[in-house]
Structure formats: structure tokens, C-alpha cells
Amino acid sequence: MIRIVLPEATDTHAFGRRLAGLLRAGDLVLLTGPLGAGKTALTQGIGAGLGVLGDITSPTFVIARVHRPDPTADRGVALVHADAYRLGDATDPRAEIDDLDLDASVDESVTVVEWGAGMVEQLAEAHLRIRLDRRDDDTRIAELEPVGGDWAQRLTALG
């Protein structure tokens, strides 16, 4: 597990940009942590690093948003940003995740899911879990846990 201290909200965004440099189509990133920990801010940084179009906001009420790649950018990878927060109380949250058809786009995009622990891991055998916590002084702590694939090797690039 890798632990990163993010003193300011801008550091969370900047870390997302750095992380985007390691991401490629087919990657699943699972974000956990309490409300206000910086999950959406991290995703905004990832989106900026990927060069996707549109503002990235919390998709809580729409569950998932697809941000298309900027055709003028070099990367050309879409970002699927999902929020499973409201699915946690569902009778069968995994079935609701299945209904979103996220697996239909996971191979062609980077998929970032907030609040999806225990619900979305079936989308990709290898994935990256990131737990974000917020201290009383607004410092964020990111704990990165690589799960399968070449994630551990890729994360060494973060230093």
C-alpha cells in the first residue's frame, strides 16, 4: 500500500493529474472514503490529466457520466465517472451496477467509481483502490492499494 499526504485541495487535484499519466483504457479505479474526503476533486484531476471534455462534478444524482476525450488531445481516452452512493441502500446494488452497463465501456475508457466498494470489482479483475480521508486540518490522506495486474509496478512511477 502506498500512502500519500495531500496538504491542500489543490494537491488532491494535482495528484489526480499525475495519476492520469499512469492510466490507460480498461483501467478501473475505485474511490472510497467519507463525504468531503476529496473523491470528486481527485477525479477532476484525473480528468484534467486525461484531457477529457466537460466539467467533472459529482454524479450522485445521475449515477454515471461519460466524459469524452478532447479530439485535439494526445491521449484519446474517455473517462467514465460513476457514483454508487445511492445504490448502497438498494436491495441488490450489484444488479443496479449491472443495469448501468459500465462493463460495456470499461475496456475503452478509464472508469472511476466513487462509493463502489463491494459492488464494482467484478468489472475488472485488476483495479486500483484508493481510500481518501480528510483530517481536521483539511489535509487529505490517499492510500493506494493495487489489486492484480501490473498496478504495483505502475504505481512505482509515483515515487
N, C-alpha and C. Protein backbone atom coordinates (compact mmCIF):
# COMPACT_ATOMS: atom_id res chain seq x y z
N MET A 1 0.85 -1.18 0.00
CA MET A 1 0.00 0.00 0.00
C MET A 1 0.89 1.24 0.00
N ILE A 2 0.49 2.21 -0.77
CA ILE A 2 1.20 3.48 -0.86
C ILE A 2 0.35 4.54 -0.17
N ARG A 3 1.00 5.36 0.64
CA ARG A 3 0.30 6.41 1.38
C ARG A 3 0.84 7.76 0.93
N ILE A 4 -0.06 8.65 0.54
CA ILE A 4 0.34 9.96 0.05
C ILE A 4 -0.41 11.03 0.84
N VAL A 5 0.32 12.02 1.33
CA VAL A 5 -0.26 13.13 2.07
C VAL A 5 -0.52 14.28 1.09
N LEU A 6 -1.73 14.80 1.12
CA LEU A 6 -2.15 15.88 0.22
C LEU A 6 -2.59 17.07 1.08
N PRO A 7 -1.67 18.01 1.36
CA PRO A 7 -1.96 19.09 2.30
C PRO A 7 -3.11 20.02 1.90
N GLU A 8 -3.29 20.28 0.63
CA GLU A 8 -4.32 21.21 0.15
C GLU A 8 -5.21 20.52 -0.87
N ALA A 9 -6.40 21.07 -1.07
CA ALA A 9 -7.30 20.52 -2.09
C ALA A 9 -6.64 20.57 -3.47
N THR A 10 -5.83 21.60 -3.71
CA THR A 10 -5.13 21.69 -4.99
C THR A 10 -4.13 20.55 -5.17
N ASP A 11 -3.59 20.05 -4.06
CA ASP A 11 -2.68 18.90 -4.13
C ASP A 11 -3.42 17.64 -4.54
N THR A 12 -4.68 17.52 -4.10
CA THR A 12 -5.50 16.37 -4.49
C THR A 12 -5.73 16.40 -6.00
N HIS A 13 -6.04 17.57 -6.52
CA HIS A 13 -6.24 17.74 -7.96
C HIS A 13 -4.94 17.42 -8.71
N ALA A 14 -3.83 17.95 -8.24
CA ALA A 14 -2.54 17.72 -8.89
C ALA A 14 -2.15 16.24 -8.86
N PHE A 15 -2.45 15.58 -7.75
CA PHE A 15 -2.18 14.15 -7.67
C PHE A 15 -3.01 13.38 -8.70
N GLY A 16 -4.25 13.79 -8.90
CA GLY A 16 -5.09 13.17 -9.92
C GLY A 16 -4.48 13.31 -11.31
N ARG A 17 -3.92 14.48 -11.59
CA ARG A 17 -3.25 14.69 -12.89
C ARG A 17 -2.06 13.75 -13.04
N ARG A 18 -1.27 13.61 -11.98
CA ARG A 18 -0.12 12.69 -12.02
C ARG A 18 -0.58 11.25 -12.22
N LEU A 19 -1.61 10.87 -11.50
CA LEU A 19 -2.14 9.52 -11.60
C LEU A 19 -2.65 9.24 -13.02
N ALA A 20 -3.26 10.24 -13.64
CA ALA A 20 -3.78 10.08 -15.00
C ALA A 20 -2.69 9.64 -15.97
N GLY A 21 -1.46 10.07 -15.71
CA GLY A 21 -0.35 9.67 -16.57
C GLY A 21 -0.08 8.18 -16.55
N LEU A 22 -0.56 7.49 -15.52
CA LEU A 22 -0.37 6.04 -15.40
C LEU A 22 -1.56 5.25 -15.92
N LEU A 23 -2.65 5.94 -16.19
CA LEU A 23 -3.90 5.26 -16.54
C LEU A 23 -4.01 5.03 -18.04
N ARG A 24 -4.74 3.96 -18.38
CA ARG A 24 -4.98 3.64 -19.79
C ARG A 24 -6.37 3.03 -19.93
N ALA A 25 -6.82 2.95 -21.15
CA ALA A 25 -8.14 2.37 -21.42
C ALA A 25 -8.23 0.99 -20.79
N GLY A 26 -9.36 0.73 -20.14
CA GLY A 26 -9.58 -0.55 -19.47
C GLY A 26 -9.32 -0.51 -17.98
N ASP A 27 -8.75 0.58 -17.48
CA ASP A 27 -8.44 0.68 -16.05
C ASP A 27 -9.69 1.02 -15.24
N LEU A 28 -9.77 0.40 -14.06
CA LEU A 28 -10.82 0.68 -13.08
C LEU A 28 -10.17 1.22 -11.83
N VAL A 29 -10.64 2.38 -11.38
CA VAL A 29 -10.15 3.00 -10.14
C VAL A 29 -11.35 3.11 -9.21
N LEU A 30 -11.23 2.54 -8.04
CA LEU A 30 -12.29 2.51 -7.04
C LEU A 30 -11.93 3.47 -5.92
N LEU A 31 -12.75 4.50 -5.71
CA LEU A 31 -12.50 5.51 -4.68
C LEU A 31 -13.43 5.30 -3.49
N THR A 32 -12.85 5.27 -2.30
CA THR A 32 -13.64 5.16 -1.09
C THR A 32 -13.20 6.24 -0.11
N GLY A 33 -14.02 6.47 0.89
CA GLY A 33 -13.72 7.47 1.90
C GLY A 33 -14.98 8.23 2.25
N PRO A 34 -14.95 8.96 3.36
CA PRO A 34 -16.15 9.68 3.80
C PRO A 34 -16.49 10.85 2.89
N LEU A 35 -17.69 11.39 3.08
CA LEU A 35 -18.11 12.59 2.36
C LEU A 35 -17.08 13.70 2.59
N GLY A 36 -16.75 14.42 1.55
CA GLY A 36 -15.83 15.54 1.67
C GLY A 36 -14.37 15.17 1.71
N ALA A 37 -14.04 13.92 1.47
CA ALA A 37 -12.65 13.48 1.54
C ALA A 37 -11.84 13.85 0.31
N GLY A 38 -12.51 14.19 -0.79
CA GLY A 38 -11.78 14.60 -1.99
C GLY A 38 -11.90 13.66 -3.17
N LYS A 39 -12.88 12.77 -3.15
CA LYS A 39 -13.04 11.79 -4.24
C LYS A 39 -13.32 12.49 -5.58
N THR A 40 -14.23 13.44 -5.57
CA THR A 40 -14.54 14.15 -6.82
C THR A 40 -13.38 15.05 -7.23
N ALA A 41 -12.71 15.69 -6.28
CA ALA A 41 -11.55 16.52 -6.61
C ALA A 41 -10.45 15.68 -7.26
N LEU A 42 -10.24 14.48 -6.74
CA LEU A 42 -9.25 13.59 -7.34
C LEU A 42 -9.66 13.22 -8.76
N THR A 43 -10.94 12.93 -8.95
CA THR A 43 -11.44 12.59 -10.28
C THR A 43 -11.32 13.77 -11.24
N GLN A 44 -11.51 14.98 -10.74
CA GLN A 44 -11.32 16.17 -11.58
C GLN A 44 -9.88 16.25 -12.07
N GLY A 45 -8.95 15.95 -11.19
CA GLY A 45 -7.54 15.94 -11.58
C GLY A 45 -7.24 14.85 -12.60
N ILE A 46 -7.84 13.68 -12.40
CA ILE A 46 -7.66 12.59 -13.37
C ILE A 46 -8.20 13.02 -14.73
N GLY A 47 -9.39 13.61 -14.73
CA GLY A 47 -9.98 14.08 -15.99
C GLY A 47 -9.11 15.12 -16.68
N ALA A 48 -8.56 16.04 -15.90
CA ALA A 48 -7.68 17.06 -16.47
C ALA A 48 -6.43 16.40 -17.07
N GLY A 49 -5.89 15.42 -16.35
CA GLY A 49 -4.71 14.72 -16.85
C GLY A 49 -4.98 13.90 -18.10
N LEU A 50 -6.20 13.37 -18.20
CA LEU A 50 -6.58 12.61 -19.39
C LEU A 50 -6.95 13.53 -20.55
N GLY A 51 -7.25 14.79 -20.24
CA GLY A 51 -7.63 15.74 -21.28
C GLY A 51 -9.04 15.55 -21.79
N VAL A 52 -9.96 15.17 -20.88
CA VAL A 52 -11.34 14.96 -21.31
C VAL A 52 -12.10 16.28 -21.34
N LEU A 53 -13.21 16.27 -22.05
CA LEU A 53 -14.04 17.46 -22.20
C LEU A 53 -15.08 17.54 -21.09
N GLY A 54 -15.50 18.76 -20.75
CA GLY A 54 -16.59 18.96 -19.81
C GLY A 54 -16.14 19.05 -18.37
N ASP A 55 -16.96 19.73 -17.58
CA ASP A 55 -16.70 19.86 -16.15
C ASP A 55 -17.01 18.54 -15.46
N ILE A 56 -16.15 18.16 -14.55
CA ILE A 56 -16.37 16.94 -13.78
C ILE A 56 -16.95 17.33 -12.43
N THR A 57 -18.17 16.89 -12.20
CA THR A 57 -18.86 17.14 -10.94
C THR A 57 -19.32 15.79 -10.40
N SER A 58 -19.74 15.79 -9.16
CA SER A 58 -20.19 14.53 -8.56
C SER A 58 -21.42 14.01 -9.31
N PRO A 59 -21.37 12.75 -9.76
CA PRO A 59 -22.51 12.20 -10.50
C PRO A 59 -23.54 11.53 -9.61
N THR A 60 -23.65 11.95 -8.34
CA THR A 60 -24.52 11.28 -7.39
C THR A 60 -25.94 11.10 -7.90
N PHE A 61 -26.51 12.12 -8.52
CA PHE A 61 -27.91 12.03 -8.90
C PHE A 61 -28.13 11.44 -10.29
N VAL A 62 -27.07 11.34 -11.08
CA VAL A 62 -27.20 10.71 -12.39
C VAL A 62 -26.50 9.35 -12.41
N ILE A 63 -25.83 9.01 -11.35
CA ILE A 63 -25.09 7.77 -11.13
C ILE A 63 -23.81 7.69 -11.96
N ALA A 64 -23.86 7.96 -13.26
CA ALA A 64 -22.64 7.86 -14.07
C ALA A 64 -22.64 8.89 -15.18
N ARG A 65 -21.45 9.42 -15.46
CA ARG A 65 -21.26 10.36 -16.57
C ARG A 65 -20.08 9.89 -17.39
N VAL A 66 -20.19 10.08 -18.70
CA VAL A 66 -19.09 9.77 -19.60
C VAL A 66 -18.51 11.10 -20.09
N HIS A 67 -17.21 11.28 -19.90
CA HIS A 67 -16.51 12.47 -20.37
C HIS A 67 -15.65 12.04 -21.55
N ARG A 68 -15.99 12.55 -22.71
CA ARG A 68 -15.31 12.17 -23.95
C ARG A 68 -13.93 12.81 -24.02
N PRO A 69 -13.02 12.14 -24.71
CA PRO A 69 -11.69 12.73 -24.87
C PRO A 69 -11.74 13.94 -25.80
N ASP A 70 -10.89 14.89 -25.53
CA ASP A 70 -10.74 16.05 -26.40
C ASP A 70 -10.08 15.57 -27.69
N PRO A 71 -10.71 15.79 -28.83
CA PRO A 71 -10.13 15.29 -30.08
C PRO A 71 -8.78 15.93 -30.41
N THR A 72 -8.47 17.06 -29.78
CA THR A 72 -7.18 17.70 -30.04
C THR A 72 -6.10 17.22 -29.07
N ALA A 73 -6.48 16.43 -28.07
CA ALA A 73 -5.51 15.94 -27.07
C ALA A 73 -4.84 14.67 -27.59
N ASP A 74 -3.68 14.40 -27.05
CA ASP A 74 -2.90 13.23 -27.46
C ASP A 74 -3.47 11.92 -26.91
N ARG A 75 -4.12 11.96 -25.76
CA ARG A 75 -4.49 10.73 -25.05
C ARG A 75 -5.62 9.96 -25.72
N GLY A 76 -6.73 10.63 -25.99
CA GLY A 76 -7.85 9.97 -26.65
C GLY A 76 -8.56 8.91 -25.83
N VAL A 77 -8.55 9.05 -24.49
CA VAL A 77 -9.20 8.07 -23.62
C VAL A 77 -10.36 8.75 -22.90
N ALA A 78 -11.54 8.15 -22.97
CA ALA A 78 -12.71 8.67 -22.27
C ALA A 78 -12.61 8.35 -20.78
N LEU A 79 -13.33 9.12 -19.98
CA LEU A 79 -13.43 8.89 -18.54
C LEU A 79 -14.88 8.61 -18.21
N VAL A 80 -15.15 7.47 -17.61
CA VAL A 80 -16.46 7.16 -17.07
C VAL A 80 -16.37 7.41 -15.57
N HIS A 81 -17.17 8.34 -15.07
CA HIS A 81 -17.16 8.71 -13.65
C HIS A 81 -18.50 8.29 -13.06
N ALA A 82 -18.47 7.32 -12.17
CA ALA A 82 -19.70 6.80 -11.58
C ALA A 82 -19.69 7.01 -10.08
N ASP A 83 -20.88 7.10 -9.52
CA ASP A 83 -21.05 7.29 -8.09
C ASP A 83 -22.10 6.29 -7.62
N ALA A 84 -21.69 5.33 -6.84
CA ALA A 84 -22.60 4.28 -6.38
C ALA A 84 -23.19 4.59 -5.00
N TYR A 85 -23.05 5.83 -4.53
CA TYR A 85 -23.51 6.20 -3.19
C TYR A 85 -24.98 5.86 -2.97
N ARG A 86 -25.83 6.23 -3.92
CA ARG A 86 -27.27 5.99 -3.77
C ARG A 86 -27.63 4.52 -3.96
N LEU A 87 -26.73 3.73 -4.50
CA LEU A 87 -27.03 2.32 -4.72
C LEU A 87 -26.80 1.48 -3.46
N GLY A 88 -26.11 2.05 -2.48
CA GLY A 88 -25.79 1.31 -1.27
C GLY A 88 -26.99 0.81 -0.51
N ASP A 89 -28.13 1.49 -0.64
CA ASP A 89 -29.35 1.09 0.06
C ASP A 89 -30.26 0.22 -0.80
N ALA A 90 -29.86 -0.03 -2.02
CA ALA A 90 -30.69 -0.83 -2.92
C ALA A 90 -30.75 -2.28 -2.44
N THR A 91 -31.83 -2.96 -2.78
CA THR A 91 -31.99 -4.36 -2.41
C THR A 91 -30.86 -5.20 -2.99
N ASP A 92 -30.51 -4.93 -4.25
CA ASP A 92 -29.43 -5.65 -4.92
C ASP A 92 -28.56 -4.64 -5.67
N PRO A 93 -27.62 -3.97 -4.95
CA PRO A 93 -26.82 -2.94 -5.59
C PRO A 93 -25.98 -3.46 -6.76
N ARG A 94 -25.54 -4.72 -6.71
CA ARG A 94 -24.77 -5.26 -7.83
C ARG A 94 -25.61 -5.33 -9.09
N ALA A 95 -26.89 -5.67 -8.95
CA ALA A 95 -27.78 -5.70 -10.11
C ALA A 95 -27.95 -4.30 -10.69
N GLU A 96 -28.02 -3.30 -9.80
CA GLU A 96 -28.15 -1.93 -10.29
C GLU A 96 -26.89 -1.49 -11.02
N ILE A 97 -25.72 -1.89 -10.52
CA ILE A 97 -24.47 -1.61 -11.22
C ILE A 97 -24.50 -2.28 -12.59
N ASP A 98 -24.96 -3.53 -12.63
CA ASP A 98 -25.07 -4.23 -13.92
C ASP A 98 -25.98 -3.48 -14.87
N ASP A 99 -27.08 -2.91 -14.36
CA ASP A 99 -28.02 -2.18 -15.20
C ASP A 99 -27.40 -0.92 -15.82
N LEU A 100 -26.35 -0.40 -15.20
CA LEU A 100 -25.69 0.79 -15.74
C LEU A 100 -24.85 0.47 -16.97
N ASP A 101 -24.60 -0.81 -17.22
CA ASP A 101 -23.78 -1.25 -18.36
C ASP A 101 -22.39 -0.64 -18.34
N LEU A 102 -21.82 -0.44 -17.18
CA LEU A 102 -20.47 0.09 -17.11
C LEU A 102 -19.47 -0.84 -17.77
N ASP A 103 -19.76 -2.14 -17.71
CA ASP A 103 -18.85 -3.10 -18.32
C ASP A 103 -18.80 -2.95 -19.84
N ALA A 104 -19.81 -2.33 -20.42
CA ALA A 104 -19.82 -2.12 -21.87
C ALA A 104 -18.79 -1.09 -22.29
N SER A 105 -18.42 -0.18 -21.38
CA SER A 105 -17.47 0.87 -21.73
C SER A 105 -16.14 0.75 -21.01
N VAL A 106 -16.01 -0.20 -20.10
CA VAL A 106 -14.80 -0.27 -19.27
C VAL A 106 -13.55 -0.56 -20.10
N ASP A 107 -13.66 -1.31 -21.18
CA ASP A 107 -12.48 -1.63 -21.98
C ASP A 107 -11.97 -0.44 -22.79
N GLU A 108 -12.84 0.50 -23.11
CA GLU A 108 -12.45 1.63 -23.96
C GLU A 108 -12.17 2.90 -23.17
N SER A 109 -12.34 2.86 -21.87
CA SER A 109 -12.22 4.09 -21.08
C SER A 109 -11.52 3.81 -19.76
N VAL A 110 -11.19 4.90 -19.08
CA VAL A 110 -10.77 4.82 -17.68
C VAL A 110 -12.05 4.99 -16.88
N THR A 111 -12.34 4.05 -15.99
CA THR A 111 -13.56 4.10 -15.19
C THR A 111 -13.19 4.39 -13.74
N VAL A 112 -13.74 5.47 -13.20
CA VAL A 112 -13.53 5.85 -11.81
C VAL A 112 -14.88 5.76 -11.11
N VAL A 113 -14.95 4.97 -10.04
CA VAL A 113 -16.20 4.77 -9.32
C VAL A 113 -16.03 5.20 -7.87
N GLU A 114 -16.87 6.15 -7.45
CA GLU A 114 -16.92 6.56 -6.05
C GLU A 114 -17.94 5.68 -5.33
N TRP A 115 -17.66 5.31 -4.10
CA TRP A 115 -18.58 4.57 -3.25
C TRP A 115 -18.93 3.19 -3.80
N GLY A 116 -18.08 2.58 -4.59
CA GLY A 116 -18.44 1.32 -5.23
C GLY A 116 -17.87 0.08 -4.59
N ALA A 117 -17.24 0.19 -3.43
CA ALA A 117 -16.62 -0.98 -2.80
C ALA A 117 -17.64 -2.09 -2.60
N GLY A 118 -17.27 -3.28 -3.03
CA GLY A 118 -18.15 -4.43 -2.90
C GLY A 118 -19.18 -4.55 -4.00
N MET A 119 -19.20 -3.58 -4.92
CA MET A 119 -20.20 -3.59 -5.98
C MET A 119 -19.61 -3.63 -7.38
N VAL A 120 -18.45 -3.04 -7.58
CA VAL A 120 -17.95 -2.89 -8.95
C VAL A 120 -16.67 -3.66 -9.26
N GLU A 121 -16.13 -4.33 -8.29
CA GLU A 121 -14.88 -5.04 -8.52
C GLU A 121 -15.00 -6.07 -9.64
N GLN A 122 -16.22 -6.55 -9.89
CA GLN A 122 -16.41 -7.55 -10.94
C GLN A 122 -16.21 -6.96 -12.34
N LEU A 123 -16.14 -5.64 -12.46
CA LEU A 123 -15.94 -5.02 -13.76
C LEU A 123 -14.54 -5.27 -14.31
N ALA A 124 -13.56 -5.41 -13.42
CA ALA A 124 -12.18 -5.65 -13.84
C ALA A 124 -11.45 -6.40 -12.74
N GLU A 125 -10.85 -7.51 -13.10
CA GLU A 125 -10.13 -8.31 -12.11
C GLU A 125 -9.00 -7.51 -11.48
N ALA A 126 -8.27 -6.77 -12.29
CA ALA A 126 -7.21 -5.90 -11.79
C ALA A 126 -7.78 -4.48 -11.68
N HIS A 127 -7.55 -3.84 -10.54
CA HIS A 127 -8.02 -2.47 -10.37
C HIS A 127 -7.19 -1.78 -9.29
N LEU A 128 -7.41 -0.50 -9.15
CA LEU A 128 -6.72 0.30 -8.15
C LEU A 128 -7.74 0.81 -7.15
N ARG A 129 -7.51 0.51 -5.88
CA ARG A 129 -8.36 1.04 -4.81
C ARG A 129 -7.64 2.23 -4.18
N ILE A 130 -8.37 3.31 -4.04
CA ILE A 130 -7.82 4.49 -3.38
C ILE A 130 -8.78 4.90 -2.27
N ARG A 131 -8.27 4.90 -1.05
CA ARG A 131 -9.05 5.38 0.09
C ARG A 131 -8.58 6.78 0.41
N LEU A 132 -9.51 7.71 0.46
CA LEU A 132 -9.20 9.09 0.81
C LEU A 132 -9.81 9.41 2.16
N ASP A 133 -9.03 10.04 3.01
CA ASP A 133 -9.51 10.52 4.30
C ASP A 133 -9.12 11.97 4.46
N ARG A 134 -9.92 12.70 5.20
CA ARG A 134 -9.69 14.13 5.43
C ARG A 134 -9.49 14.36 6.92
N ARG A 135 -8.35 14.94 7.25
CA ARG A 135 -8.06 15.28 8.64
C ARG A 135 -8.76 16.58 9.03
N ASP A 136 -8.75 16.88 10.31
CA ASP A 136 -9.38 18.10 10.81
C ASP A 136 -8.76 19.37 10.22
N ASP A 137 -7.46 19.31 9.84
CA ASP A 137 -6.79 20.48 9.26
C ASP A 137 -6.95 20.55 7.74
N ASP A 138 -7.87 19.75 7.19
CA ASP A 138 -8.18 19.67 5.75
C ASP A 138 -7.12 18.94 4.93
N THR A 139 -6.09 18.43 5.56
CA THR A 139 -5.13 17.58 4.85
C THR A 139 -5.82 16.29 4.44
N ARG A 140 -5.58 15.87 3.22
CA ARG A 140 -6.13 14.59 2.75
C ARG A 140 -5.02 13.55 2.77
N ILE A 141 -5.41 12.33 3.06
CA ILE A 141 -4.50 11.18 3.01
C ILE A 141 -5.06 10.23 1.97
N ALA A 142 -4.24 9.87 1.00
CA ALA A 142 -4.64 8.90 -0.02
C ALA A 142 -3.85 7.62 0.20
N GLU A 143 -4.57 6.52 0.34
CA GLU A 143 -3.94 5.20 0.46
C GLU A 143 -4.28 4.41 -0.79
N LEU A 144 -3.25 4.05 -1.54
CA LEU A 144 -3.42 3.36 -2.81
C LEU A 144 -3.12 1.88 -2.63
N GLU A 145 -4.05 1.05 -3.04
CA GLU A 145 -3.89 -0.40 -2.95
C GLU A 145 -4.05 -1.01 -4.34
N PRO A 146 -2.94 -1.50 -4.90
CA PRO A 146 -3.04 -2.15 -6.20
C PRO A 146 -3.65 -3.54 -6.05
N VAL A 147 -4.57 -3.89 -6.94
CA VAL A 147 -5.21 -5.20 -6.91
C VAL A 147 -4.99 -5.86 -8.27
N GLY A 148 -4.08 -6.81 -8.31
CA GLY A 148 -3.83 -7.59 -9.51
C GLY A 148 -3.17 -6.82 -10.64
N GLY A 149 -3.03 -7.50 -11.76
CA GLY A 149 -2.45 -6.91 -12.95
C GLY A 149 -1.07 -6.33 -12.70
N ASP A 150 -0.77 -5.24 -13.38
CA ASP A 150 0.54 -4.60 -13.24
C ASP A 150 0.46 -3.31 -12.41
N TRP A 151 -0.59 -3.20 -11.60
CA TRP A 151 -0.79 -1.98 -10.82
C TRP A 151 0.39 -1.67 -9.90
N ALA A 152 0.90 -2.65 -9.18
CA ALA A 152 2.01 -2.39 -8.25
C ALA A 152 3.20 -1.81 -9.00
N GLN A 153 3.50 -2.37 -10.14
CA GLN A 153 4.62 -1.88 -10.95
C GLN A 153 4.36 -0.45 -11.45
N ARG A 154 3.15 -0.19 -11.91
CA ARG A 154 2.83 1.15 -12.41
C ARG A 154 2.92 2.20 -11.31
N LEU A 155 2.51 1.83 -10.10
CA LEU A 155 2.49 2.80 -9.01
C LEU A 155 3.88 3.22 -8.57
N THR A 156 4.90 2.44 -8.89
CA THR A 156 6.26 2.84 -8.53
C THR A 156 6.65 4.14 -9.21
N ALA A 157 6.01 4.47 -10.32
CA ALA A 157 6.30 5.72 -11.02
C ALA A 157 5.85 6.95 -10.23
N LEU A 158 5.00 6.76 -9.24
CA LEU A 158 4.55 7.89 -8.42
C LEU A 158 5.62 8.35 -7.45
N GLY A 159 6.64 7.49 -7.24
CA GLY A 159 7.74 7.86 -6.36
C GLY A 159 7.38 7.68 -4.97
